[in-house]
Protein backbone atom coordinates (compact mmCIF):
# COMPACT_ATOMS: atom_id res chain seq x y z
CA MET A 1 95.59 81.54 109.06
CA ALA A 2 95.65 84.91 107.34
CA HIS A 3 94.12 88.06 108.75
CA VAL A 4 92.32 90.64 106.65
CA ILE A 5 91.42 94.22 107.41
CA THR A 6 87.83 94.91 106.37
CA ASN A 7 86.06 98.05 105.18
CA GLU A 8 85.06 98.85 108.76
CA CYS A 9 88.67 99.91 109.42
CA VAL A 10 89.04 103.51 110.63
CA ALA A 11 92.87 103.47 110.34
CA CYS A 12 93.40 104.15 114.04
CA GLY A 13 96.47 101.90 114.18
CA ALA A 14 95.37 99.99 117.31
CA CYS A 15 95.93 96.65 115.57
CA ALA A 16 99.46 97.61 114.57
CA ASP A 17 100.18 98.78 118.12
CA THR A 18 99.03 95.48 119.62
CA CYS A 19 100.79 93.15 117.18
CA PRO A 20 103.71 91.60 119.08
CA VAL A 21 105.67 90.74 115.92
CA GLY A 22 105.09 93.88 113.84
CA ALA A 23 103.12 92.05 111.15
CA ILE A 24 100.68 94.94 110.70
CA VAL A 25 101.89 98.04 108.93
CA LEU A 26 100.30 101.49 108.96
CA ASP A 27 101.49 103.24 105.80
CA GLU A 28 100.17 106.65 104.76
CA ALA A 29 100.23 105.72 101.07
CA LYS A 30 99.00 102.11 101.30
CA GLY A 31 96.86 102.24 104.44
CA ILE A 32 96.95 99.45 107.01
CA TYR A 33 97.88 95.97 105.87
CA VAL A 34 98.96 92.62 107.29
CA ILE A 35 102.23 90.95 106.33
CA ASN A 36 100.77 87.45 106.51
CA GLY A 37 104.16 85.75 106.30
CA ASP A 38 105.15 87.44 109.57
CA CYS A 39 101.81 86.89 111.35
CA VAL A 40 101.92 84.31 114.16
CA ASP A 41 98.10 84.03 114.46
CA CYS A 42 98.03 85.16 118.07
CA GLY A 43 94.78 87.15 117.67
CA ALA A 44 96.08 90.25 119.45
CA CYS A 45 95.09 92.43 116.50
CA GLU A 46 91.51 91.18 116.58
CA ASP A 47 91.28 91.82 120.31
CA GLY A 48 92.92 95.24 119.96
CA CYS A 49 90.71 96.58 117.17
CA PRO A 50 88.03 98.88 118.66
CA VAL A 51 85.72 98.51 115.65
CA GLY A 52 86.18 94.79 114.90
CA ALA A 53 87.66 95.45 111.47
CA ILE A 54 90.33 92.75 111.43
CA LYS A 55 89.29 89.15 110.96
CA ALA A 56 90.92 85.75 110.68
CA GLU A 57 90.37 84.38 107.20
């Protein structure tokens, strides 16, 4: 299952910090994005997001 970062994202980086496999990247030029091929669908990013901006798709 893929994860998407929605418009509610405030670019705090909490999701990237909680991802145990480094599948979420915080890039100044591109913003925050998920490398879905690396994602293991653990849900840590959803739990770690303070504004609920990352969702399973």
